[in-house]
Structures are given as C-alpha cells and as structure tokens.
Amino acid sequence: MPHTRHPATLLDLRKGEEAVLDRIDLPADISQRLMELGFLPGSRIAASFRAPGGDPRVFRVDGTEVALRCETAACLHLRPAAKKGAASPS
C-alpha cells in the first residue's frame, strides 16, 4: 500500500489540503451551477473548514469560499495537485 494519500473526492480533502478537480459526476444542471461557481475541471481546490456536525464543508476555489453539502462534495472527483512551483509534466 502506498505511503502517500491521494484524495479521491472533495469529501476526502482534509483542512488545508489542495487537489485538482478532475470531473463532476452530477446531473447537468447541478454541474453547470458548480462550474459557474468556479468548480471547473483542472481548477485547484482547497478544503477550508467544515460546519459543526461536519456538513456542509467549505472549499476555496478561484479565490472564493463555497459551502457544499457532503453528498455533493462526494461527487466531485480529484487528482493530486502538483506542488506549487513544480514544473508540470508535458
């Protein structure tokens, strides 16, 4: 088992962690609204905090903090974010 943990969905991000949005698995109308809020494939997203009880959770995307219910966050799939300053693979 690998020693590094890679979050699979927004729900898996811990406070302060960043990842890149890979895809949204939600109905078109909800996906469209999330994209209007900045949740675009390729966007860097960071976990900010969670409400008491754990739902909703707050994420920072494109300089804005957005609260999402856990059931929605679980449908936004991620890939690991490259470290800041690291060259991206060609």
C-alpha atoms as a PDB file:
ATOM      1  CA  MET A   1       0.000   0.000   0.000  1.00  0.00           C
ATOM      2  CA  PRO A   2       1.434   3.429  -0.909  1.00  0.00           C
ATOM      3  CA  HIS A   3       2.590   5.764   1.842  1.00  0.00           C
ATOM      4  CA  THR A   4       1.065   8.878   0.283  1.00  0.00           C
ATOM      5  CA  ARG A   5      -2.646   9.502   0.470  1.00  0.00           C
ATOM      6  CA  HIS A   6      -4.414  10.915  -2.573  1.00  0.00           C
ATOM      7  CA  PRO A   7      -7.925  12.234  -2.055  1.00  0.00           C
ATOM      8  CA  ALA A   8     -10.466  10.724  -4.427  1.00  0.00           C
ATOM      9  CA  THR A   9     -13.276  13.272  -3.941  1.00  0.00           C
ATOM     10  CA  LEU A  10     -13.718  16.670  -2.325  1.00  0.00           C
ATOM     11  CA  LEU A  11     -15.158  14.876   0.668  1.00  0.00           C
ATOM     12  CA  ASP A  12     -11.745  13.231   1.237  1.00  0.00           C
ATOM     13  CA  LEU A  13      -9.792  16.519   1.413  1.00  0.00           C
ATOM     14  CA  ARG A  14      -8.524  17.459   4.865  1.00  0.00           C
ATOM     15  CA  LYS A  15      -8.407  21.068   6.037  1.00  0.00           C
ATOM     16  CA  GLY A  16      -5.624  22.873   4.184  1.00  0.00           C
ATOM     17  CA  GLU A  17      -5.134  20.149   1.566  1.00  0.00           C
ATOM     18  CA  GLU A  18      -5.311  21.031  -2.125  1.00  0.00           C
ATOM     19  CA  ALA A  19      -6.125  18.942  -5.157  1.00  0.00           C
ATOM     20  CA  VAL A  20      -7.188  19.465  -8.756  1.00  0.00           C
ATOM     21  CA  LEU A  21     -10.751  18.843  -9.872  1.00  0.00           C
ATOM     22  CA  ASP A  22     -10.822  16.004 -12.384  1.00  0.00           C
ATOM     23  CA  ARG A  23     -14.545  15.548 -13.054  1.00  0.00           C
ATOM     24  CA  ILE A  24     -18.039  16.198 -11.701  1.00  0.00           C
ATOM     25  CA  ASP A  25     -20.460  13.263 -11.521  1.00  0.00           C
ATOM     26  CA  LEU A  26     -23.750  15.101 -11.014  1.00  0.00           C
ATOM     27  CA  PRO A  27     -26.771  15.970 -13.177  1.00  0.00           C
ATOM     28  CA  ALA A  28     -26.101  18.616 -15.833  1.00  0.00           C
ATOM     29  CA  ASP A  29     -27.995  21.425 -14.070  1.00  0.00           C
ATOM     30  CA  ILE A  30     -26.064  20.965 -10.817  1.00  0.00           C
ATOM     31  CA  SER A  31     -22.747  20.537 -12.656  1.00  0.00           C
ATOM     32  CA  GLN A  32     -23.413  23.753 -14.580  1.00  0.00           C
ATOM     33  CA  ARG A  33     -24.082  25.697 -11.376  1.00  0.00           C
ATOM     34  CA  LEU A  34     -20.906  24.359  -9.775  1.00  0.00           C
ATOM     35  CA  MET A  35     -18.919  25.357 -12.867  1.00  0.00           C
ATOM     36  CA  GLU A  36     -20.412  28.864 -12.634  1.00  0.00           C
ATOM     37  CA  LEU A  37     -19.051  28.973  -9.073  1.00  0.00           C
ATOM     38  CA  GLY A  38     -15.548  28.058 -10.314  1.00  0.00           C
ATOM     39  CA  PHE A  39     -15.557  24.271  -9.948  1.00  0.00           C
ATOM     40  CA  LEU A  40     -14.065  23.614 -13.379  1.00  0.00           C
ATOM     41  CA  PRO A  41     -12.038  20.536 -14.316  1.00  0.00           C
ATOM     42  CA  GLY A  42      -8.392  21.486 -13.819  1.00  0.00           C
ATOM     43  CA  SER A  43      -9.153  24.002 -11.035  1.00  0.00           C
ATOM     44  CA  ARG A  44      -7.187  23.858  -7.787  1.00  0.00           C
ATOM     45  CA  ILE A  45      -9.455  23.370  -4.790  1.00  0.00           C
ATOM     46  CA  ALA A  46      -8.526  23.582  -1.106  1.00  0.00           C
ATOM     47  CA  ALA A  47     -10.511  22.400   1.898  1.00  0.00           C
ATOM     48  CA  SER A  48     -11.151  25.311   4.279  1.00  0.00           C
ATOM     49  CA  PHE A  49     -13.338  24.083   7.118  1.00  0.00           C
ATOM     50  CA  ARG A  50     -16.490  22.203   7.985  1.00  0.00           C
ATOM     51  CA  ALA A  51     -19.607  23.214   9.861  1.00  0.00           C
ATOM     52  CA  PRO A  52     -20.317  21.787  13.305  1.00  0.00           C
ATOM     53  CA  GLY A  53     -21.504  18.256  12.706  1.00  0.00           C
ATOM     54  CA  GLY A  54     -19.403  18.028   9.527  1.00  0.00           C
ATOM     55  CA  ASP A  55     -21.983  19.143   6.947  1.00  0.00           C
ATOM     56  CA  PRO A  56     -21.686  21.343   4.941  1.00  0.00           C
ATOM     57  CA  ARG A  57     -17.985  21.695   4.186  1.00  0.00           C
ATOM     58  CA  VAL A  58     -16.285  24.800   2.846  1.00  0.00           C
ATOM     59  CA  PHE A  59     -13.843  24.765  -0.065  1.00  0.00           C
ATOM     60  CA  ARG A  60     -11.737  27.535  -1.598  1.00  0.00           C
ATOM     61  CA  VAL A  61     -11.849  27.677  -5.384  1.00  0.00           C
ATOM     62  CA  ASP A  62     -10.747  30.574  -7.589  1.00  0.00           C
ATOM     63  CA  GLY A  63     -10.297  32.846  -4.548  1.00  0.00           C
ATOM     64  CA  THR A  64     -13.804  32.224  -3.207  1.00  0.00           C
ATOM     65  CA  GLU A  65     -15.001  30.053  -0.352  1.00  0.00           C
ATOM     66  CA  VAL A  66     -18.021  27.910  -1.221  1.00  0.00           C
ATOM     67  CA  ALA A  67     -20.004  25.660   1.138  1.00  0.00           C
ATOM     68  CA  LEU A  68     -21.110  22.321  -0.310  1.00  0.00           C
ATOM     69  CA  ARG A  69     -23.157  19.559   1.243  1.00  0.00           C
ATOM     70  CA  CYS A  70     -21.225  16.348   1.769  1.00  0.00           C
ATOM     71  CA  GLU A  71     -23.438  14.474  -0.705  1.00  0.00           C
ATOM     72  CA  THR A  72     -22.426  16.987  -3.405  1.00  0.00           C
ATOM     73  CA  ALA A  73     -18.736  17.085  -2.437  1.00  0.00           C
ATOM     74  CA  ALA A  74     -18.590  13.290  -2.757  1.00  0.00           C
ATOM     75  CA  CYS A  75     -19.452  13.619  -6.478  1.00  0.00           C
ATOM     76  CA  LEU A  76     -16.548  15.932  -7.347  1.00  0.00           C
ATOM     77  CA  HIS A  77     -13.581  13.721  -8.207  1.00  0.00           C
ATOM     78  CA  LEU A  78      -9.992  14.858  -7.770  1.00  0.00           C
ATOM     79  CA  ARG A  79      -6.454  14.203  -8.848  1.00  0.00           C
ATOM     80  CA  PRO A  80      -3.432  15.231  -6.754  1.00  0.00           C
ATOM     81  CA  ALA A  81      -2.300  18.841  -7.129  1.00  0.00           C
ATOM     82  CA  ALA A  82       1.259  19.436  -8.308  1.00  0.00           C
ATOM     83  CA  LYS A  83       3.333  21.171  -5.657  1.00  0.00           C
ATOM     84  CA  LYS A  84       3.410  24.928  -6.126  1.00  0.00           C
ATOM     85  CA  GLY A  85       6.446  25.943  -8.121  1.00  0.00           C
ATOM     86  CA  ALA A  86       6.902  22.456  -9.587  1.00  0.00           C
ATOM     87  CA  ALA A  87       7.060  22.148 -13.331  1.00  0.00           C
ATOM     88  CA  SER A  88       4.012  20.471 -14.804  1.00  0.00           C
ATOM     89  CA  PRO A  89       4.596  17.389 -16.951  1.00  0.00           C
ATOM     90  CA  SER A  90       4.440  17.927 -20.696  1.00  0.00           C
END
